[in-house]
Protein backbone atom coordinates (compact mmCIF):
# COMPACT_ATOMS: atom_id res chain seq x y z
CA MET A 1 -0.24 0.00 -0.35
CA THR A 2 1.33 3.69 -1.26
CA GLY A 3 0.52 7.12 0.14
CA SER A 4 -0.56 8.11 3.26
CA ARG A 5 -3.07 5.72 4.25
CA CYS A 6 -2.95 3.63 7.26
CA ALA A 7 -3.91 0.30 8.37
CA PRO A 8 -7.73 0.54 9.39
CA GLY A 9 -6.45 -1.17 12.75
CA VAL A 10 -3.84 1.93 13.33
CA ALA A 11 -6.29 4.25 12.42
CA VAL A 12 -8.48 2.74 15.49
CA MET A 13 -5.89 2.91 17.59
CA LEU A 14 -5.25 6.49 16.75
CA PHE A 15 -8.39 7.41 17.04
CA VAL A 16 -9.13 5.92 20.89
CA LEU A 17 -5.24 7.42 21.59
CA ALA A 18 -5.91 11.12 20.75
CA PRO A 19 -8.54 12.10 23.09
CA THR A 20 -5.76 10.65 25.84
CA ALA A 21 -3.04 12.36 24.74
CA VAL A 22 -4.95 15.49 24.51
CA ALA A 23 -6.00 15.43 27.54
CA GLN A 24 -2.86 14.57 29.09
CA THR A 25 -1.42 18.09 27.32
CA GLN A 26 -5.10 19.99 28.40
CA GLY A 27 -4.53 19.17 32.01
CA VAL A 28 -1.47 21.10 32.94
CA HIS A 29 -1.71 24.56 34.02
CA THR A 30 -0.04 27.48 35.38
CA PRO A 31 -1.86 29.08 38.53
CA ALA A 32 -2.67 32.76 38.31
CA VAL A 33 -0.41 34.62 40.56
CA GLY A 34 -2.07 35.34 44.19
CA SER A 35 -4.44 32.11 43.94
CA ALA A 36 -4.47 29.83 46.93
CA GLU A 37 -2.77 27.12 44.31
CA ARG A 38 0.09 29.17 43.61
CA THR A 39 0.36 30.91 47.27
CA ALA A 40 0.30 27.09 48.45
CA ILE A 41 3.33 26.23 47.01
CA VAL A 42 5.17 29.39 46.73
CA ARG A 43 5.12 28.43 50.58
CA THR A 44 6.58 25.16 49.88
CA LEU A 45 9.43 26.44 48.69
CA HIS A 46 10.00 28.88 51.12
CA ASP A 47 10.02 26.71 53.70
CA GLY A 48 8.39 28.89 56.29
CA ASP A 49 11.22 31.75 55.30
CA ASP A 50 8.97 34.77 54.13
CA SER A 51 11.50 37.74 54.54
CA PRO A 52 11.53 39.82 51.55
CA GLN A 53 15.76 38.45 50.79
CA SER A 54 13.79 34.87 49.72
CA ARG A 55 12.20 36.19 47.04
CA PHE A 56 11.62 34.01 43.35
CA THR A 57 11.54 35.15 39.95
CA PHE A 58 9.80 31.65 38.13
CA ARG A 59 10.40 30.92 34.98
CA GLN A 60 8.36 28.18 34.29
CA PHE A 61 5.38 27.04 36.83
CA ARG A 62 3.28 24.08 36.09
CA VAL A 63 0.61 22.10 37.50
CA PHE A 64 -1.30 18.62 36.96
CA SER A 65 -4.47 17.37 38.73
CA ALA A 66 -5.06 13.93 38.50
CA GLY A 67 -8.26 13.34 40.93
CA PRO A 68 -7.28 14.25 44.33
CA ARG A 69 -3.76 14.15 43.55
CA ALA A 70 -1.94 16.97 41.85
CA ILE A 71 2.36 17.31 40.78
CA ALA A 72 3.93 20.88 39.94
CA TYR A 73 6.82 21.29 38.36
CA VAL A 74 8.65 24.71 38.92
CA ARG A 75 11.76 26.52 37.56
CA GLY A 76 12.92 29.61 38.71
CA ALA A 77 15.68 31.39 40.61
CA GLY A 78 15.85 32.91 44.14
CA PRO A 79 18.77 34.08 46.71
CA VAL A 80 20.79 31.50 46.33
CA GLY A 81 20.86 30.85 42.86
CA ASP A 82 18.63 28.90 39.61
CA PHE A 83 16.43 25.73 40.49
CA GLN A 84 14.03 23.55 39.73
CA ALA A 85 11.48 21.03 41.64
CA LEU A 86 8.51 19.31 41.87
CA LEU A 87 6.14 19.10 44.26
CA ARG A 88 3.30 16.82 45.20
CA ARG A 89 -0.03 17.26 46.95
CA ASP A 90 -2.31 13.70 47.51
CA GLY A 91 -6.36 14.82 48.73
CA GLN A 92 -6.45 17.41 51.31
CA ALA A 93 -2.67 17.49 52.55
CA PRO A 94 -0.15 20.10 51.63
CA TRP A 95 1.84 20.17 49.54
CA ARG A 96 5.01 18.55 49.61
CA LYS A 97 8.52 19.11 47.88
CA ILE A 98 9.65 15.76 46.12
CA TRP A 99 12.12 16.42 44.33
CA GLY A 100 15.22 19.23 42.68
CA GLU A 101 17.85 20.30 41.36
CA SER A 102 19.55 23.96 42.20
CA ASP A 103 23.07 25.46 41.59
CA GLY A 104 26.32 25.00 43.40
CA GLY A 105 27.41 21.82 44.26
CA SER A 106 27.84 18.60 41.97
CA ASN A 107 26.71 15.32 40.94
CA SER A 108 27.86 12.92 39.00
CA CYS A 109 26.05 11.98 35.70
CA ALA A 110 24.95 8.67 36.87
CA THR A 111 23.46 9.90 39.80
CA GLY A 112 21.88 12.58 37.64
CA ALA A 113 20.22 10.28 35.21
CA GLN A 114 18.72 7.65 38.37
CA HIS A 115 18.02 11.39 39.80
CA TYR A 116 15.77 12.28 36.46
CA ALA A 117 14.82 9.22 35.37
CA TRP A 118 12.41 8.92 38.53
CA ALA A 119 10.87 12.11 38.22
CA LEU A 120 10.03 11.29 34.78
CA ARG A 121 8.47 7.99 36.14
CA LEU A 122 6.76 9.81 39.13
CA ILE A 123 5.24 11.73 36.09
CA GLY A 124 4.21 9.47 34.03
CA THR A 125 2.20 7.88 37.53
CA TYR A 126 -0.19 10.93 36.89
CA MET A 127 -1.34 10.25 33.49
CA ALA A 128 0.53 13.53 32.65
CA ALA A 129 2.62 14.35 29.57
CA PRO A 130 6.18 14.40 31.13
CA ASP A 131 7.32 17.14 29.24
CA ALA A 132 3.91 18.96 29.03
CA LEU A 133 4.66 19.26 32.78
CA PHE A 134 8.31 19.52 32.83
CA PRO A 135 9.45 20.53 29.19
CA GLY A 136 13.05 18.62 28.49
CA ILE A 137 12.52 15.90 31.30
CA THR A 138 12.80 13.36 28.50
CA ALA A 139 15.70 14.50 26.37
CA GLN A 140 17.52 15.37 29.69
CA THR A 141 17.12 11.76 30.96
CA ASN A 142 18.30 10.47 28.10
CA ARG A 143 21.40 12.88 27.97
CA LEU A 144 22.43 12.11 31.10
CA LYS A 145 22.07 8.15 30.94
CA ARG A 146 24.69 8.62 28.00
CA MET A 147 26.39 10.65 29.58
CA ALA A 148 27.00 8.15 32.52
CA GLU A 149 27.86 5.56 30.16
CA ARG A 150 30.97 7.26 28.92
CA ASP A 151 31.99 8.62 32.39
CA PRO A 152 30.19 7.49 35.46
CA GLU A 153 32.30 9.88 37.59
CA LEU A 154 31.64 12.63 35.71
CA GLN A 155 30.17 15.78 37.31
CA CYS A 156 27.04 17.14 35.26
CA VAL A 157 24.21 17.89 37.45
CA GLY A 158 23.68 20.37 40.56
CA ASP A 159 22.49 19.88 44.15
CA LEU A 160 20.09 17.27 43.88
CA ASP A 161 17.36 16.66 46.60
CA GLY A 162 14.60 14.60 46.77
CA GLY A 163 14.03 11.82 44.45
CA PRO A 164 15.55 8.41 44.81
CA ASP A 165 16.05 6.74 47.71
């Protein structure tokens, strides 16, 4: 068979899966400045420090809700440099920071690959499109894995917290 026609089974599969892929991307939103959701996430990031010197500038701020659970990705800068973090909320529980990378320090590519792969798997448990929530996570995970295979001791990521034990 030539041309752009596909087999009937493939067409049916695409028709069935397309709404899921769209829903995964559409469910990602940026909470409005001043909203209760955004305020709660920012307070969690501040970890009790509300001094004017500990202000954040956000470059990305995304949330995906899956029923009573939600996961957030933030990337920005604060008083100690650039950072990115994943936070989660289960039901009515408060937000918790569960994964992060920040400036300063350094970790091996192998450790970074494990750290990013854990985050990628976690986002998948929410049925979210990982790169829609955390732009570039798939490529970064693969890049770190390749670098770790070439030189496991190479230092290529900043301070890591949370993530795999």
